[in-house]
Protein backbone atom coordinates (compact mmCIF):
# COMPACT_ATOMS: atom_id res chain seq x y z
CA MET A 1 13.93 142.60 124.67
CA SER A 2 16.23 141.71 127.58
CA MET A 3 15.41 142.16 131.29
CA PHE A 4 18.13 142.97 133.80
CA GLY A 5 17.52 143.17 137.55
CA PHE A 6 20.17 142.73 140.22
CA GLY A 7 18.45 143.50 143.49
CA GLY A 8 17.58 147.07 142.47
CA ALA A 9 15.31 148.43 139.80
CA ALA A 10 14.78 146.06 136.90
CA VAL A 11 15.29 147.74 133.55
CA ALA A 12 14.30 146.35 130.16
CA VAL A 13 16.79 147.26 127.43
CA ALA A 14 15.73 147.03 123.78
CA LEU A 15 17.93 147.80 120.78
CA THR A 16 16.43 147.95 117.30
CA LEU A 17 17.95 148.91 113.96
CA ASN A 18 16.07 150.73 111.23
CA PRO A 19 15.78 148.88 107.91
CA SER A 20 18.35 149.50 105.20
CA LYS A 21 17.48 151.46 102.06
CA SER A 22 16.66 148.26 100.18
CA LYS A 23 14.72 146.83 103.18
CA THR A 24 16.49 143.54 102.45
CA THR A 25 16.86 140.93 105.21
CA LYS A 26 18.55 137.56 105.40
CA GLU A 27 18.77 134.69 107.82
CA ASN A 28 21.81 134.88 110.03
CA GLY A 29 23.14 132.11 112.29
CA ILE A 30 23.52 133.36 115.86
CA ALA A 31 26.03 130.66 116.83
CA LEU A 32 29.45 132.07 117.60
CA SER A 33 31.65 129.07 116.82
CA PRO A 34 31.64 125.82 114.83
CA GLU A 35 30.78 123.91 118.02
CA GLN A 36 27.78 126.13 118.70
CA LYS A 37 26.63 125.78 115.09
CA ASP A 38 26.08 122.09 115.76
CA CYS A 39 23.85 122.61 118.81
CA GLY A 40 20.75 123.48 116.81
CA ALA A 41 20.86 127.24 117.35
CA GLN A 42 17.95 129.01 115.72
CA LEU A 43 18.36 131.51 112.92
CA GLU A 44 17.48 135.15 113.24
CA SER A 45 16.68 137.58 110.45
CA VAL A 46 19.00 140.57 110.11
CA HIS A 47 18.97 143.72 107.99
CA VAL A 48 21.28 143.80 104.96
CA PHE A 49 23.17 147.05 104.32
CA GLU A 50 25.34 148.13 101.45
CA VAL A 51 28.78 149.55 102.12
CA ASP A 52 27.79 153.21 101.70
CA GLU A 53 24.70 153.33 103.94
CA ASP A 54 24.12 155.03 107.29
CA VAL A 55 23.14 152.83 110.25
CA SER A 56 20.48 154.11 112.64
CA GLY A 57 18.10 152.83 115.26
CA THR A 58 16.61 153.16 118.74
CA VAL A 59 17.72 152.25 122.25
CA SER A 60 14.79 151.90 124.68
CA LEU A 61 15.11 151.75 128.47
CA THR A 62 11.90 150.67 130.19
CA LEU A 63 11.58 151.09 133.98
CA PRO A 64 8.90 149.55 136.20
CA GLN A 65 6.35 152.03 137.56
CA GLY A 66 7.72 154.04 140.45
CA LYS A 67 11.31 152.81 140.03
CA LYS A 68 14.43 154.79 139.15
CA LEU A 69 17.72 153.92 137.49
CA GLU A 70 21.00 155.45 138.62
CA HIS A 71 23.65 155.15 135.91
CA LEU A 72 27.06 156.44 134.84
CA GLY A 73 26.08 156.95 131.21
CA VAL A 74 24.32 155.41 128.22
CA LYS A 75 26.17 154.86 124.95
CA VAL A 76 25.83 153.02 121.67
CA GLU A 77 28.74 151.56 119.68
CA LEU A 78 29.12 150.12 116.19
CA PHE A 79 31.73 147.47 115.38
CA GLY A 80 33.09 145.73 112.30
CA ARG A 81 34.91 142.69 113.69
CA ILE A 82 36.89 139.67 112.49
CA GLU A 83 36.95 136.63 114.79
CA MET A 84 39.29 133.68 114.28
CA PHE A 85 37.87 130.51 115.80
CA TYR A 86 41.36 129.12 116.51
CA ASP A 87 42.18 132.31 118.47
CA LYS A 88 39.25 132.43 120.86
CA GLY A 89 39.15 135.38 123.18
CA ASN A 90 40.84 137.68 120.67
CA HIS A 91 39.26 139.65 117.87
CA TYR A 92 40.21 142.32 115.36
CA ASP A 93 38.08 145.45 115.04
CA PHE A 94 38.54 147.23 111.71
CA THR A 95 35.64 149.61 112.43
CA SER A 96 34.75 151.06 115.84
CA LEU A 97 32.44 154.03 116.46
CA VAL A 98 30.77 155.32 119.61
CA LYS A 99 27.99 157.81 120.44
CA GLU A 100 27.16 159.00 123.95
CA LEU A 101 23.39 159.01 124.40
CA GLU A 102 23.09 160.16 128.01
CA VAL A 103 25.55 161.50 130.58
CA ALA A 104 25.67 160.12 134.12
CA GLY A 105 22.51 160.71 136.10
CA THR A 106 19.24 159.19 137.25
CA LEU A 107 16.31 158.07 135.12
CA PHE A 108 12.89 158.27 136.77
CA ASP A 109 10.89 157.25 133.70
CA SER A 110 11.31 155.04 130.65
CA LYS A 111 13.19 156.68 127.81
CA GLU A 112 14.02 156.18 124.15
CA PHE A 113 17.22 157.30 122.43
CA GLN A 114 17.50 157.71 118.66
CA PHE A 115 20.96 157.26 117.13
CA GLU A 116 22.56 157.43 113.70
CA PHE A 117 26.03 156.51 112.49
CA LYS A 118 26.80 158.35 109.25
CA ASN A 119 29.48 157.48 106.70
CA VAL A 120 30.26 154.18 108.42
CA GLU A 121 33.36 152.43 107.11
CA MET A 122 32.06 148.99 106.06
CA PRO A 123 34.65 147.86 103.49
CA TYR A 124 34.04 144.10 103.70
CA GLU A 125 31.12 141.71 103.41
CA SER A 126 29.76 139.80 106.38
CA TYR A 127 31.02 136.21 106.33
CA LYS A 128 30.72 133.03 108.39
CA GLY A 129 33.22 130.33 107.51
CA LEU A 130 34.87 127.25 108.97
CA ASN A 131 37.61 129.11 110.84
CA VAL A 132 36.72 132.78 110.63
CA ARG A 133 33.77 135.10 110.99
CA LEU A 134 33.41 138.73 109.90
CA ARG A 135 30.46 140.47 111.46
CA TYR A 136 28.95 143.89 112.07
CA PHE A 137 26.93 144.73 115.17
CA VAL A 138 25.66 147.60 117.30
CA ARG A 139 25.94 147.48 121.08
CA ALA A 140 24.02 149.57 123.62
CA THR A 141 25.58 149.93 127.07
CA VAL A 142 24.17 151.26 130.33
CA THR A 143 27.03 151.72 132.82
CA ARG A 144 26.27 151.51 136.54
CA SER A 145 28.44 151.87 139.62
CA TYR A 146 26.88 148.75 141.12
CA ASN A 147 24.82 145.75 139.97
CA GLY A 148 26.88 145.45 136.81
CA THR A 149 26.89 146.99 133.35
CA ILE A 150 23.90 146.33 131.07
CA THR A 151 24.55 145.60 127.39
CA LYS A 152 22.42 144.65 124.40
CA GLU A 153 23.74 143.75 120.92
CA CYS A 154 22.06 143.73 117.52
CA GLU A 155 23.80 142.23 114.51
CA TYR A 156 23.39 143.25 110.86
CA ALA A 157 24.85 142.10 107.55
CA VAL A 158 26.83 143.98 104.90
CA GLN A 159 26.88 142.96 101.23
CA MET A 160 28.72 144.51 98.28
CA LEU A 161 27.18 144.67 94.82
CA THR A 162 29.57 144.34 91.88
CA ILE A 163 29.30 145.55 88.31
CA GLU A 164 29.34 142.74 85.76
CA PRO A 165 32.92 142.09 84.64
CA GLU A 166 33.74 143.57 81.23
CA ILE A 167 36.15 140.72 80.47
CA ASN A 168 34.87 137.21 81.14
CA ASN A 169 36.77 134.71 79.05
CA SER A 170 35.75 131.10 78.57
CA ILE A 171 37.70 128.25 80.18
CA LYS A 172 39.24 125.59 77.96
CA MET A 173 41.50 122.86 79.32
CA GLU A 174 42.75 119.43 78.34
CA VAL A 175 43.49 116.69 80.84
CA GLY A 176 44.35 113.05 80.54
CA ILE A 177 46.54 110.05 81.17
CA GLU A 178 49.04 109.21 78.46
CA ASP A 179 47.67 106.60 76.01
CA CYS A 180 44.68 105.95 78.34
CA LEU A 181 42.44 108.98 78.65
CA HIS A 182 42.26 112.35 76.95
CA ILE A 183 39.41 114.74 77.60
CA GLU A 184 38.79 118.41 76.90
CA PHE A 185 36.42 120.51 78.95
CA GLU A 186 35.05 123.93 78.21
CA TYR A 187 33.03 126.35 80.35
CA GLU A 188 31.38 129.42 78.85
CA LYS A 189 33.01 131.84 81.30
CA GLN A 190 35.28 132.12 84.32
CA LYS A 191 33.31 134.65 86.43
CA TYR A 192 29.81 133.92 87.79
CA HIS A 193 27.30 135.84 89.88
CA LEU A 194 25.75 133.98 92.82
CA ASN A 195 22.54 133.10 90.93
CA ASP A 196 24.25 132.26 87.66
CA ILE A 197 24.22 129.05 85.60
CA ILE A 198 27.45 127.20 84.87
CA ILE A 199 27.25 125.94 81.29
CA GLY A 200 29.89 123.84 79.62
CA LYS A 201 30.81 120.77 77.58
CA ILE A 202 33.16 117.84 78.10
CA TYR A 203 34.66 116.09 75.07
CA PHE A 204 36.14 112.60 75.24
CA LEU A 205 38.99 112.48 72.71
CA LEU A 206 40.53 109.19 73.88
CA VAL A 207 38.98 106.58 76.19
CA ARG A 208 40.93 103.38 76.96
CA ILE A 209 39.88 102.95 80.57
CA LYS A 210 36.42 101.98 81.77
CA ILE A 211 34.76 105.05 83.26
CA LYS A 212 31.91 104.30 85.67
CA HIS A 213 30.61 107.82 86.22
CA MET A 214 31.58 111.49 86.25
CA GLU A 215 30.62 114.26 88.67
CA LEU A 216 31.09 118.00 88.99
CA ALA A 217 31.48 119.77 92.35
CA VAL A 218 31.72 123.37 93.52
CA ILE A 219 34.44 123.66 96.17
CA ARG A 220 34.96 126.57 98.53
CA ARG A 221 38.50 126.95 99.89
CA GLU A 222 39.01 129.18 102.92
CA SER A 223 42.46 130.36 104.02
CA ALA A 224 42.52 131.99 107.47
CA GLY A 225 45.39 133.29 109.54
CA THR A 226 49.08 133.69 108.77
CA GLY A 227 52.37 131.90 109.35
CA PRO A 228 52.15 128.93 111.77
CA ASN A 229 48.49 129.77 112.36
CA LEU A 230 47.49 129.45 108.70
CA TYR A 231 44.45 127.21 108.25
CA ASN A 232 43.34 126.01 104.81
CA GLU A 233 39.93 124.34 104.75
CA SER A 234 37.89 123.13 101.79
CA GLU A 235 34.20 122.30 101.76
CA THR A 236 32.02 120.91 99.00
CA MET A 237 29.14 123.30 98.40
CA THR A 238 27.39 120.92 96.01
CA LYS A 239 28.14 118.07 93.64
CA PHE A 240 26.11 116.22 91.07
CA GLU A 241 26.58 113.38 88.63
CA ILE A 242 26.80 114.53 85.04
CA MET A 243 27.36 111.11 83.46
CA ASP A 244 26.56 107.53 84.42
CA GLY A 245 28.12 104.82 82.32
CA ALA A 246 31.13 104.40 80.05
CA PRO A 247 31.75 107.16 77.49
CA VAL A 248 33.13 106.44 74.05
CA LYS A 249 35.64 108.30 71.94
CA GLY A 250 34.11 111.41 70.37
CA GLU A 251 31.28 111.69 72.91
CA CYS A 252 30.31 115.14 74.22
CA VAL A 253 28.67 115.53 77.65
CA PRO A 254 26.82 118.82 78.38
CA VAL A 255 27.16 120.55 81.76
CA ARG A 256 24.49 122.79 83.30
CA LEU A 257 24.69 123.70 86.99
CA PHE A 258 22.28 126.20 88.60
CA LEU A 259 24.12 128.04 91.38
CA ASN A 260 20.91 129.32 92.99
CA GLY A 261 19.97 125.70 93.64
CA ILE A 262 22.94 125.14 95.94
CA PRO A 263 21.63 124.63 99.51
CA SER A 264 24.74 126.09 101.16
CA GLU A 265 25.15 129.87 101.13
CA LEU A 266 27.51 131.04 98.40
CA THR A 267 29.55 134.19 98.84
CA PRO A 268 31.63 136.22 96.43
CA THR A 269 35.32 135.45 96.08
CA TYR A 270 37.24 137.25 98.84
CA ARG A 271 40.93 138.04 98.41
CA ASN A 272 43.06 138.88 101.44
CA ILE A 273 40.38 140.50 103.58
CA ASN A 274 42.11 142.80 106.10
CA ASN A 275 45.18 140.52 105.78
CA LYS A 276 43.25 137.89 107.74
CA PHE A 277 41.51 135.52 105.31
CA SER A 278 40.65 134.69 101.69
CA VAL A 279 37.86 132.65 100.09
CA LYS A 280 38.17 131.07 96.65
CA TYR A 281 35.91 128.81 94.58
CA TYR A 282 36.76 125.92 92.28
CA LEU A 283 34.98 123.65 89.83
CA ASN A 284 36.12 120.11 90.52
CA LEU A 285 35.59 117.56 87.73
CA VAL A 286 35.91 113.95 88.93
CA LEU A 287 35.93 110.74 86.87
CA VAL A 288 35.63 107.36 88.60
CA ASP A 289 36.62 104.12 86.84
CA GLU A 290 35.29 100.62 87.48
CA GLU A 291 38.05 99.99 90.03
CA ASP A 292 36.94 103.12 91.92
CA ARG A 293 40.07 105.05 91.03
CA ARG A 294 39.37 108.75 90.86
CA TYR A 295 40.75 111.22 88.34
CA PHE A 296 40.06 114.90 88.90
CA LYS A 297 40.87 118.36 87.65
CA GLN A 298 40.19 121.63 89.47
CA GLN A 299 39.67 125.03 87.90
CA GLU A 300 39.34 128.25 89.90
CA ILE A 301 36.34 130.45 89.16
CA THR A 302 35.46 133.92 90.43
CA MET A 303 32.16 134.58 92.20
CA TRP A 304 30.57 138.03 92.43
CA ARG A 305 27.35 139.49 93.86
CA LYS A 306 24.72 140.87 91.50
CA THR A 307 21.79 141.31 93.94
CA LEU A 308 21.33 141.66 97.70
CA GLY A 309 19.96 138.88 99.83
């Protein structure tokens, strides 16, 4: 609840959203930029909606006893917004709805307003990345002719469930250095849900260099913006060592990576969201020899959401 008082009557404005059908919630960082993310901002819990749900809630105006509030109107708005961190001050609203709750007048007592937005266009998932953020929020506004406008915002998340892909082929690739190293790796499939297990095998067909260890990483690559303002950023979601020591010809190393054990939040693969950004995932296999030279091979995988949360 927020208190606003500017020399006149103090009014407490509260904005609450009703739970989604699934009653699912998730932690949501309230920081608005990468710099703010580093300042130790606390996390708040937000409701998770699917793309075809209505959004409803309550706006409460609480007045002190014996006070009145003169206003020019009370309204509630719903936004779906994309914010580019390199373009601060500008944003792109792909969804914008408004409902007038009260016409201009005077309030002599506290009052609650119920609201509901039906058939809301929520075509994209909520996302917080390195250079871009896509968010949904509701804003309540009390407009006054003096002492400033009063606003209160409440954020919520949107997630999209996907049907399991009918076609999900395995990945088989060969990599190597001529006359020095020849390996073949195989993963059971190319498309994974966010709580899936990556299972595979790595075969050493030729080994003439001294390998010290081998590791597998999940990389997220974010592309945001267009033209001269195109930013490509990669971050390692997790990596782990799958072999320690020198392999020999004919050796087979098993791979088993639990995606639900990754501490960073995974998202589905996003392709050209509102012509503003894309998010792709890669498996990065790295071999390190005794002279600390690194040999790697990346393979794109597709991530999809099976459950909310």
